[in-house]
C-alpha cells in the first residue's frame, strides 16, 4: 500500500509536486485504512491529502544538507537490484 512513500529529499532533479502528492495520498490511505473513501468521507480524505502535500512540500524545501544530491537513476538501479536479490528474477 505504501510503495509511493519514498525518500523525496536531496535528489537531482528535485522532487515534483506530483511526487509529493502521490506520497501524501499513500500516507492518508495507510493511516485511514481506505484505498478509496466512501462518499461521506471523500471530502475529508481529499482535504487531508492536500494538507499533507502542502506541509510535506514546505518541509522538504526547508531542509538543508551538505551532501551532494542523489541521482534518481542510480537510486532506482539500487532498488531494482535489491528487489531482484529479494524476490529473484
N, C-alpha and C. Protein backbone atom coordinates (compact mmCIF):
# COMPACT_ATOMS: atom_id res chain seq x y z
N UNK A 1 0.81 -1.19 0.00
CA UNK A 1 0.00 0.00 0.00
C UNK A 1 0.86 1.26 0.00
N UNK A 2 2.04 1.24 0.57
CA UNK A 2 2.84 2.46 0.71
C UNK A 2 4.02 2.51 -0.25
N UNK A 3 3.90 1.89 -1.38
CA UNK A 3 5.04 1.84 -2.29
C UNK A 3 5.42 3.21 -2.84
N UNK A 4 4.53 4.20 -2.82
CA UNK A 4 4.86 5.53 -3.32
C UNK A 4 5.46 6.43 -2.25
N UNK A 5 5.51 5.97 -1.02
CA UNK A 5 6.15 6.78 0.01
C UNK A 5 7.64 6.46 -0.05
N UNK A 6 8.37 7.39 -0.62
CA UNK A 6 9.80 7.22 -0.83
C UNK A 6 10.51 8.44 -0.26
N UNK A 7 11.82 8.31 -0.13
CA UNK A 7 12.61 9.46 0.24
C UNK A 7 12.52 10.46 -0.90
N UNK A 8 12.15 11.68 -0.59
CA UNK A 8 11.97 12.70 -1.61
C UNK A 8 12.97 13.85 -1.51
N UNK A 9 13.78 13.82 -0.47
CA UNK A 9 14.70 14.92 -0.22
C UNK A 9 16.07 14.65 -0.85
N UNK A 10 16.66 15.72 -1.37
CA UNK A 10 18.04 15.74 -1.86
C UNK A 10 18.24 14.87 -3.10
N UNK A 11 17.41 15.08 -4.10
CA UNK A 11 17.56 14.39 -5.36
C UNK A 11 17.78 15.39 -6.48
N UNK A 12 18.44 14.93 -7.52
CA UNK A 12 18.62 15.72 -8.72
C UNK A 12 18.04 14.93 -9.88
N UNK A 13 17.01 15.38 -10.53
CA UNK A 13 16.29 16.63 -10.35
C UNK A 13 15.45 16.61 -9.07
N UNK A 14 15.10 17.81 -8.56
CA UNK A 14 14.34 17.90 -7.31
C UNK A 14 12.97 17.24 -7.41
N UNK A 15 12.39 17.01 -6.26
CA UNK A 15 11.07 16.39 -6.17
C UNK A 15 10.03 17.26 -6.88
N UNK A 16 9.06 16.61 -7.48
CA UNK A 16 7.98 17.34 -8.16
C UNK A 16 6.74 17.37 -7.27
N UNK A 17 5.84 18.32 -7.50
CA UNK A 17 4.59 18.35 -6.73
C UNK A 17 3.78 17.06 -6.88
N UNK A 18 3.85 16.43 -8.04
CA UNK A 18 3.12 15.18 -8.26
C UNK A 18 3.67 14.05 -7.37
N UNK A 19 4.99 14.02 -7.20
CA UNK A 19 5.58 13.00 -6.33
C UNK A 19 5.19 13.22 -4.87
N UNK A 20 5.17 14.47 -4.45
CA UNK A 20 4.77 14.79 -3.07
C UNK A 20 3.31 14.41 -2.86
N UNK A 21 2.46 14.72 -3.83
CA UNK A 21 1.04 14.39 -3.71
C UNK A 21 0.82 12.88 -3.69
N UNK A 22 1.57 12.13 -4.51
CA UNK A 22 1.43 10.67 -4.53
C UNK A 22 1.82 10.08 -3.18
N UNK A 23 2.90 10.58 -2.59
CA UNK A 23 3.30 10.11 -1.26
C UNK A 23 2.27 10.49 -0.21
N UNK A 24 1.70 11.69 -0.33
CA UNK A 24 0.67 12.14 0.61
C UNK A 24 -0.57 11.26 0.51
N UNK A 25 -0.96 10.93 -0.71
CA UNK A 25 -2.11 10.05 -0.92
C UNK A 25 -1.88 8.69 -0.28
N UNK A 26 -0.71 8.12 -0.48
CA UNK A 26 -0.41 6.82 0.11
C UNK A 26 -0.41 6.89 1.64
N UNK A 27 0.10 8.00 2.18
CA UNK A 27 0.12 8.17 3.63
C UNK A 27 -1.30 8.20 4.18
N UNK A 28 -2.17 9.00 3.55
CA UNK A 28 -3.56 9.10 4.02
C UNK A 28 -4.26 7.76 3.86
N UNK A 29 -4.02 7.05 2.77
CA UNK A 29 -4.60 5.71 2.60
C UNK A 29 -4.16 4.79 3.73
N UNK A 30 -2.88 4.86 4.07
CA UNK A 30 -2.35 3.97 5.11
C UNK A 30 -2.97 4.27 6.47
N UNK A 31 -3.00 5.53 6.87
CA UNK A 31 -3.48 5.83 8.22
C UNK A 31 -4.99 5.74 8.33
N UNK A 32 -5.70 5.93 7.19
CA UNK A 32 -7.16 5.83 7.25
C UNK A 32 -7.66 4.41 7.06
N UNK A 33 -6.87 3.60 6.37
CA UNK A 33 -7.31 2.24 6.05
C UNK A 33 -8.20 2.19 4.82
N UNK A 34 -8.39 3.33 4.16
CA UNK A 34 -9.23 3.39 2.96
C UNK A 34 -8.35 3.45 1.72
N UNK A 35 -8.62 2.58 0.77
CA UNK A 35 -7.98 2.73 -0.53
C UNK A 35 -8.74 3.78 -1.32
N UNK A 36 -10.05 3.73 -1.21
CA UNK A 36 -10.94 4.74 -1.80
C UNK A 36 -12.01 5.02 -0.75
N UNK A 37 -12.11 6.28 -0.30
CA UNK A 37 -13.06 6.58 0.76
C UNK A 37 -14.50 6.54 0.26
N UNK A 38 -15.43 6.39 1.19
CA UNK A 38 -16.84 6.47 0.86
C UNK A 38 -17.18 7.91 0.51
N UNK A 39 -18.34 8.11 -0.08
CA UNK A 39 -18.79 9.47 -0.42
C UNK A 39 -18.84 10.35 0.82
N UNK A 40 -19.24 9.76 1.95
CA UNK A 40 -19.35 10.52 3.20
C UNK A 40 -17.98 11.01 3.68
N UNK A 41 -16.92 10.27 3.38
CA UNK A 41 -15.58 10.62 3.84
C UNK A 41 -14.68 11.22 2.77
N UNK A 42 -15.18 11.32 1.56
CA UNK A 42 -14.33 11.76 0.44
C UNK A 42 -13.77 13.16 0.63
N UNK A 43 -14.57 14.10 1.09
CA UNK A 43 -14.10 15.48 1.27
C UNK A 43 -12.99 15.54 2.32
N UNK A 44 -13.18 14.86 3.43
CA UNK A 44 -12.16 14.85 4.48
C UNK A 44 -10.89 14.17 4.00
N UNK A 45 -11.05 13.09 3.25
CA UNK A 45 -9.91 12.35 2.71
C UNK A 45 -9.09 13.24 1.77
N UNK A 46 -9.76 13.89 0.82
CA UNK A 46 -9.06 14.75 -0.14
C UNK A 46 -8.43 15.96 0.54
N UNK A 47 -9.12 16.51 1.53
CA UNK A 47 -8.56 17.65 2.28
C UNK A 47 -7.29 17.23 3.01
N UNK A 48 -7.29 16.04 3.58
CA UNK A 48 -6.11 15.54 4.28
C UNK A 48 -4.95 15.36 3.31
N UNK A 49 -5.22 14.79 2.14
CA UNK A 49 -4.17 14.60 1.14
C UNK A 49 -3.56 15.94 0.76
N UNK A 50 -4.40 16.93 0.48
CA UNK A 50 -3.90 18.24 0.06
C UNK A 50 -3.11 18.92 1.18
N UNK A 51 -3.61 18.85 2.42
CA UNK A 51 -2.91 19.49 3.53
C UNK A 51 -1.56 18.83 3.79
N UNK A 52 -1.52 17.52 3.73
CA UNK A 52 -0.26 16.80 3.94
C UNK A 52 0.72 17.10 2.82
N UNK A 53 0.23 17.21 1.59
CA UNK A 53 1.10 17.55 0.46
C UNK A 53 1.72 18.93 0.64
N UNK A 54 0.92 19.90 1.07
CA UNK A 54 1.42 21.26 1.28
C UNK A 54 2.48 21.27 2.39
N UNK A 55 2.18 20.63 3.49
CA UNK A 55 3.11 20.59 4.62
C UNK A 55 4.38 19.84 4.24
N UNK A 56 4.25 18.72 3.53
CA UNK A 56 5.41 17.93 3.12
C UNK A 56 6.30 18.73 2.17
N UNK A 57 5.68 19.41 1.23
CA UNK A 57 6.44 20.22 0.28
C UNK A 57 7.20 21.32 1.00
N UNK A 58 6.53 22.00 1.93
CA UNK A 58 7.19 23.05 2.73
C UNK A 58 8.34 22.46 3.54
N UNK A 59 8.11 21.31 4.13
CA UNK A 59 9.14 20.65 4.94
C UNK A 59 10.35 20.28 4.09
N UNK A 60 10.12 19.62 2.96
CA UNK A 60 11.23 19.18 2.10
C UNK A 60 12.07 20.37 1.64
N UNK A 61 11.41 21.46 1.28
CA UNK A 61 12.14 22.62 0.79
C UNK A 61 12.80 23.44 1.90
N UNK A 62 12.48 23.15 3.15
CA UNK A 62 13.14 23.86 4.25
C UNK A 62 14.36 23.11 4.76
N UNK A 63 14.52 21.85 4.36
CA UNK A 63 15.66 21.07 4.82
C UNK A 63 16.95 21.53 4.16
N UNK A 64 18.05 21.37 4.87
CA UNK A 64 19.37 21.73 4.35
C UNK A 64 20.29 20.54 4.50
N UNK A 65 21.24 20.43 3.57
CA UNK A 65 22.23 19.37 3.64
C UNK A 65 23.50 19.81 2.93
N UNK A 66 24.61 19.23 3.34
CA UNK A 66 25.88 19.46 2.66
C UNK A 66 26.20 18.31 1.71
N UNK A 67 25.39 17.26 1.76
CA UNK A 67 25.61 16.10 0.90
C UNK A 67 25.22 16.44 -0.54
N UNK A 68 25.93 15.86 -1.48
CA UNK A 68 25.55 16.11 -2.88
C UNK A 68 24.21 15.44 -3.18
N UNK A 69 23.44 15.99 -4.10
CA UNK A 69 22.16 15.38 -4.46
C UNK A 69 22.36 13.98 -5.03
N UNK A 70 21.42 13.10 -4.71
CA UNK A 70 21.47 11.74 -5.24
C UNK A 70 20.83 11.70 -6.62
N UNK A 71 21.30 10.77 -7.41
CA UNK A 71 20.76 10.59 -8.75
C UNK A 71 19.56 9.66 -8.69
N UNK A 72 18.48 10.05 -9.32
CA UNK A 72 17.28 9.21 -9.34
C UNK A 72 17.56 7.88 -10.05
N UNK A 73 18.32 7.94 -11.13
CA UNK A 73 18.62 6.72 -11.89
C UNK A 73 19.44 5.73 -11.06
N UNK A 74 20.44 6.25 -10.35
CA UNK A 74 21.26 5.37 -9.51
C UNK A 74 20.44 4.75 -8.39
N UNK A 75 19.60 5.54 -7.75
CA UNK A 75 18.76 5.02 -6.67
C UNK A 75 17.76 3.99 -7.19
N UNK A 76 17.22 4.22 -8.39
CA UNK A 76 16.29 3.26 -8.99
C UNK A 76 17.01 1.95 -9.31
N UNK A 77 18.24 2.05 -9.80
CA UNK A 77 19.01 0.84 -10.11
C UNK A 77 19.32 0.06 -8.83
N UNK A 78 19.65 0.76 -7.75
CA UNK A 78 19.90 0.09 -6.47
C UNK A 78 18.64 -0.61 -5.97
N UNK A 79 17.50 0.06 -6.08
CA UNK A 79 16.24 -0.53 -5.63
C UNK A 79 15.90 -1.76 -6.47
N UNK A 80 16.15 -1.69 -7.76
CA UNK A 80 15.88 -2.83 -8.64
C UNK A 80 16.77 -4.01 -8.28
N UNK A 81 18.04 -3.73 -7.98
CA UNK A 81 18.96 -4.79 -7.58
C UNK A 81 18.53 -5.42 -6.25
N UNK A 82 18.07 -4.59 -5.30
CA UNK A 82 17.60 -5.13 -4.02
C UNK A 82 16.37 -6.01 -4.24
N UNK A 83 15.46 -5.57 -5.10
CA UNK A 83 14.26 -6.36 -5.38
C UNK A 83 14.61 -7.67 -6.05
N UNK A 84 15.56 -7.63 -6.97
CA UNK A 84 15.97 -8.87 -7.65
C UNK A 84 16.60 -9.84 -6.66
N UNK A 85 17.41 -9.32 -5.74
CA UNK A 85 18.02 -10.19 -4.74
C UNK A 85 16.95 -10.75 -3.78
N UNK A 86 15.98 -9.95 -3.48
CA UNK A 86 14.94 -10.37 -2.53
C UNK A 86 13.94 -11.34 -3.14
N UNK A 87 13.48 -11.04 -4.34
CA UNK A 87 12.42 -11.82 -4.97
C UNK A 87 12.90 -12.73 -6.10
N UNK A 88 14.14 -12.58 -6.53
CA UNK A 88 14.63 -13.36 -7.66
C UNK A 88 14.18 -12.73 -8.95
N UNK A 89 14.76 -13.16 -10.04
CA UNK A 89 14.41 -12.57 -11.36
C UNK A 89 13.12 -13.04 -11.88
